[in-house]
C-alpha atoms as a PDB file:
ATOM      1  CA  MET A   1     117.181-151.646   9.785  1.00  0.00           C
ATOM      2  CA  ALA A   2     113.469-151.032  10.172  1.00  0.00           C
ATOM      3  CA  ARG A   3     111.155-153.853   9.280  1.00  0.00           C
ATOM      4  CA  GLY A   4     107.962-153.379   7.342  1.00  0.00           C
ATOM      5  CA  PRO A   5     104.577-154.406   8.679  1.00  0.00           C
ATOM      6  CA  ARG A   6     104.403-158.072   9.552  1.00  0.00           C
ATOM      7  CA  ARG A   7     102.388-160.065   7.059  1.00  0.00           C
ATOM      8  CA  GLY A   8     100.736-163.224   8.142  1.00  0.00           C
ATOM      9  CA  PRO A   9      97.563-164.959   9.232  1.00  0.00           C
ATOM     10  CA  HIS A  10      96.327-161.927  11.139  1.00  0.00           C
ATOM     11  CA  THR A  11      96.535-159.603   8.141  1.00  0.00           C
ATOM     12  CA  GLY A  12      94.841-161.822   5.585  1.00  0.00           C
ATOM     13  CA  ASP A  13      98.124-162.314   3.706  1.00  0.00           C
ATOM     14  CA  ALA A  14      98.897-165.734   5.178  1.00  0.00           C
ATOM     15  CA  PHE A  15     100.131-167.303   1.961  1.00  0.00           C
ATOM     16  CA  ILE A  16     102.072-164.576   0.214  1.00  0.00           C
ATOM     17  CA  ALA A  17     105.632-165.409  -0.788  1.00  0.00           C
ATOM     18  CA  ASP A  18     107.416-163.675   2.088  1.00  0.00           C
ATOM     19  CA  CYS A  19     105.010-164.735   4.833  1.00  0.00           C
ATOM     20  CA  PRO A  20     106.546-166.683   7.723  1.00  0.00           C
ATOM     21  CA  ALA A  21     103.749-169.278   7.477  1.00  0.00           C
ATOM     22  CA  ARG A  22     105.212-170.366   4.148  1.00  0.00           C
ATOM     23  CA  LEU A  23     108.219-171.696   6.046  1.00  0.00           C
ATOM     24  CA  ALA A  24     106.117-174.450   7.620  1.00  0.00           C
ATOM     25  CA  PHE A  25     104.579-175.382   4.286  1.00  0.00           C
ATOM     26  CA  ASP A  26     108.021-175.541   2.697  1.00  0.00           C
ATOM     27  CA  LEU A  27     109.295-177.786   5.499  1.00  0.00           C
ATOM     28  CA  PHE A  28     106.415-180.234   5.181  1.00  0.00           C
ATOM     29  CA  ALA A  29     106.556-180.217   1.379  1.00  0.00           C
ATOM     30  CA  HIS A  30     109.549-182.536   1.520  1.00  0.00           C
ATOM     31  CA  THR A  31     108.443-186.168   1.460  1.00  0.00           C
ATOM     32  CA  TRP A  32     110.499-187.438   4.378  1.00  0.00           C
ATOM     33  CA  THR A  33     110.600-184.429   6.736  1.00  0.00           C
ATOM     34  CA  SER A  34     107.684-185.337   8.982  1.00  0.00           C
ATOM     35  CA  VAL A  35     108.574-189.044   8.892  1.00  0.00           C
ATOM     36  CA  VAL A  36     112.146-188.406  10.062  1.00  0.00           C
ATOM     37  CA  VAL A  37     111.042-185.932  12.735  1.00  0.00           C
ATOM     38  CA  TYR A  38     108.518-188.458  14.021  1.00  0.00           C
ATOM     39  CA  ALA A  39     111.137-191.233  13.991  1.00  0.00           C
ATOM     40  CA  LEU A  40     113.345-189.070  16.225  1.00  0.00           C
ATOM     41  CA  ARG A  41     110.569-188.404  18.767  1.00  0.00           C
ATOM     42  CA  ASP A  42     111.947-190.795  21.403  1.00  0.00           C
ATOM     43  CA  GLY A  43     115.504-189.475  21.368  1.00  0.00           C
ATOM     44  CA  PRO A  44     118.774-189.676  19.473  1.00  0.00           C
ATOM     45  CA  ARG A  45     119.208-192.276  16.734  1.00  0.00           C
ATOM     46  CA  ARG A  46     121.933-193.301  14.369  1.00  0.00           C
ATOM     47  CA  PRO A  47     121.212-193.201  10.616  1.00  0.00           C
ATOM     48  CA  ALA A  48     121.057-197.005  10.338  1.00  0.00           C
ATOM     49  CA  GLU A  49     118.508-197.107  13.161  1.00  0.00           C
ATOM     50  CA  LEU A  50     116.441-194.437  11.443  1.00  0.00           C
ATOM     51  CA  ARG A  51     116.434-196.350   8.161  1.00  0.00           C
ATOM     52  CA  ALA A  52     115.319-199.517   9.973  1.00  0.00           C
ATOM     53  CA  VAL A  53     112.537-197.725  11.870  1.00  0.00           C
ATOM     54  CA  ILE A  54     111.302-195.756   8.862  1.00  0.00           C
ATOM     55  CA  GLY A  55     111.565-198.405   6.147  1.00  0.00           C
ATOM     56  CA  GLY A  56     111.501-197.532   2.462  1.00  0.00           C
ATOM     57  CA  ILE A  57     113.854-194.563   2.700  1.00  0.00           C
ATOM     58  CA  SER A  58     117.124-194.690   0.810  1.00  0.00           C
ATOM     59  CA  ALA A  59     120.386-193.748   2.493  1.00  0.00           C
ATOM     60  CA  LYS A  60     120.640-190.758   0.147  1.00  0.00           C
ATOM     61  CA  ALA A  61     117.115-189.494   0.932  1.00  0.00           C
ATOM     62  CA  LEU A  62     117.717-189.912   4.667  1.00  0.00           C
ATOM     63  CA  THR A  63     121.042-188.061   4.508  1.00  0.00           C
ATOM     64  CA  GLU A  64     119.516-185.206   2.496  1.00  0.00           C
ATOM     65  CA  THR A  65     116.575-184.953   4.899  1.00  0.00           C
ATOM     66  CA  LEU A  66     118.795-184.981   7.976  1.00  0.00           C
ATOM     67  CA  HIS A  67     121.037-182.277   6.477  1.00  0.00           C
ATOM     68  CA  ARG A  68     118.017-180.134   5.576  1.00  0.00           C
ATOM     69  CA  LEU A  69     116.623-180.543   9.117  1.00  0.00           C
ATOM     70  CA  GLU A  70     120.029-179.781  10.641  1.00  0.00           C
ATOM     71  CA  ASP A  71     120.450-176.704   8.421  1.00  0.00           C
ATOM     72  CA  SER A  72     117.008-175.531   9.584  1.00  0.00           C
ATOM     73  CA  GLY A  73     117.919-175.934  13.258  1.00  0.00           C
ATOM     74  CA  LEU A  74     115.422-178.756  13.791  1.00  0.00           C
ATOM     75  CA  VAL A  75     117.907-181.587  14.294  1.00  0.00           C
ATOM     76  CA  LEU A  76     121.214-181.711  16.127  1.00  0.00           C
ATOM     77  CA  ARG A  77     123.997-183.893  14.693  1.00  0.00           C
ATOM     78  CA  ARG A  78     126.496-185.367  17.113  1.00  0.00           C
ATOM     79  CA  ALA A  79     129.700-186.943  15.867  1.00  0.00           C
ATOM     80  CA  TYR A  80     131.698-189.099  18.274  1.00  0.00           C
ATOM     81  CA  ALA A  81     135.465-189.542  18.001  1.00  0.00           C
ATOM     82  CA  GLU A  82     135.369-193.327  18.005  1.00  0.00           C
ATOM     83  CA  ALA A  83     136.612-196.059  15.743  1.00  0.00           C
ATOM     84  CA  PRO A  84     134.554-196.661  13.728  1.00  0.00           C
ATOM     85  CA  PRO A  85     133.126-193.129  13.692  1.00  0.00           C
ATOM     86  CA  ARG A  86     129.646-192.787  15.128  1.00  0.00           C
ATOM     87  CA  VAL A  87     127.047-190.117  14.408  1.00  0.00           C
ATOM     88  CA  ASP A  88     123.587-189.673  15.826  1.00  0.00           C
ATOM     89  CA  TYR A  89     120.795-187.187  15.388  1.00  0.00           C
ATOM     90  CA  GLU A  90     118.229-185.789  17.775  1.00  0.00           C
ATOM     91  CA  LEU A  91     115.511-183.191  17.678  1.00  0.00           C
ATOM     92  CA  THR A  92     116.159-179.678  18.922  1.00  0.00           C
ATOM     93  CA  ALA A  93     113.436-177.852  20.852  1.00  0.00           C
ATOM     94  CA  ALA A  94     112.213-176.400  17.560  1.00  0.00           C
ATOM     95  CA  GLY A  95     112.194-179.855  15.959  1.00  0.00           C
ATOM     96  CA  ARG A  96     110.355-181.340  18.926  1.00  0.00           C
ATOM     97  CA  SER A  97     107.712-178.611  18.582  1.00  0.00           C
ATOM     98  CA  LEU A  98     106.835-180.036  15.152  1.00  0.00           C
ATOM     99  CA  LEU A  99     105.542-183.245  16.743  1.00  0.00           C
ATOM    100  CA  ASP A 100     102.157-181.701  17.637  1.00  0.00           C
ATOM    101  CA  PRO A 101     101.381-180.605  14.061  1.00  0.00           C
ATOM    102  CA  ILE A 102     102.628-183.959  12.744  1.00  0.00           C
ATOM    103  CA  LEU A 103     100.368-185.807  15.178  1.00  0.00           C
ATOM    104  CA  ALA A 104      97.474-183.522  14.171  1.00  0.00           C
ATOM    105  CA  LEU A 105      98.054-184.411  10.502  1.00  0.00           C
ATOM    106  CA  GLY A 106      98.121-188.079  11.475  1.00  0.00           C
ATOM    107  CA  ALA A 107      94.789-187.711  13.286  1.00  0.00           C
ATOM    108  CA  TRP A 108      93.341-185.915  10.260  1.00  0.00           C
ATOM    109  CA  THR A 109      94.550-188.752   8.028  1.00  0.00           C
ATOM    110  CA  ASP A 110      92.950-191.337  10.314  1.00  0.00           C
ATOM    111  CA  GLU A 111      89.653-189.514   9.971  1.00  0.00           C
ATOM    112  CA  TYR A 112      89.716-188.435   6.313  1.00  0.00           C
ATOM    113  CA  GLY A 113      92.415-190.468   4.549  1.00  0.00           C
ATOM    114  CA  ASP A 114      90.016-193.085   3.179  1.00  0.00           C
ATOM    115  CA  ASP A 115      87.724-190.313   1.883  1.00  0.00           C
ATOM    116  CA  VAL A 116      90.647-188.693   0.065  1.00  0.00           C
ATOM    117  CA  LEU A 117      91.724-192.000  -1.487  1.00  0.00           C
ATOM    118  CA  ARG A 118      88.159-192.755  -2.628  1.00  0.00           C
ATOM    119  CA  ALA A 119      87.887-189.278  -4.159  1.00  0.00           C
ATOM    120  CA  ARG A 120      91.150-189.842  -6.035  1.00  0.00           C
ATOM    121  CA  ASP A 121      89.896-193.197  -7.301  1.00  0.00           C
ATOM    122  CA  ARG A 122      86.657-191.569  -8.532  1.00  0.00           C
ATOM    123  CA  ALA A 123      88.623-188.828 -10.290  1.00  0.00           C
ATOM    124  CA  GLU A 124      90.862-191.405 -11.957  1.00  0.00           C
ATOM    125  CA  ASP A 125      87.801-193.378 -13.065  1.00  0.00           C
ATOM    126  CA  ARG A 126      86.224-190.197 -14.519  1.00  0.00           C
ATOM    127  CA  ARG A 127      89.397-189.411 -16.458  1.00  0.00           C
ATOM    128  CA  ALA A 128      89.647-192.987 -17.732  1.00  0.00           C
ATOM    129  CA  ALA A 129      85.995-192.924 -18.852  1.00  0.00           C
ATOM    130  CA  ALA A 130      86.494-189.594 -20.629  1.00  0.00           C
ATOM    131  CA  HIS A 131      89.598-190.873 -22.426  1.00  0.00           C
ATOM    132  CA  PRO A 132      89.237-194.609 -23.046  1.00  0.00           C
ATOM    133  CA  ALA A 133      92.349-196.624 -23.862  1.00  0.00           C
ATOM    134  CA  GLY A 134      93.498-196.238 -27.425  1.00  0.00           C
ATOM    135  CA  ARG A 135      92.081-192.735 -27.763  1.00  0.00           C
ATOM    136  CA  ARG A 136      94.158-189.685 -27.180  1.00  0.00           C
ATOM    137  CA  ALA A 137      92.603-186.605 -25.710  1.00  0.00           C
ATOM    138  CA  ALA A 138      92.251-183.671 -28.097  1.00  0.00           C
ATOM    139  CA  ARG A 139      94.982-181.115 -27.560  1.00  0.00           C
END
């Protein structure tokens, strides 16, 4: 089957619905994706180890994230025939390739994170001043 012209950053259509670049945005849109990938950077880990390293992630959220990453080919799940059963997860080559963009986002956050938080605080203060407590905004 013939494919149509490739749409993407080089054509000016970088953010249209069927553009491959959207895949990366969809991956990073999930709260725990980059955190779990980063936690796996040093090699395979069991789920309990991941929860301890990450902190604040529920077992359900971790399981869902690991399944999503596995389904996307970014994480490899290994089950061992032991008693009790043991499972660990590690990054595939594709998953490992996400570490550079994750580190770049971390560097950006180090540089601009405080600015973003201050801007959010100012916006919240503006909204609060425009709609003081006890008054409802006109609809």
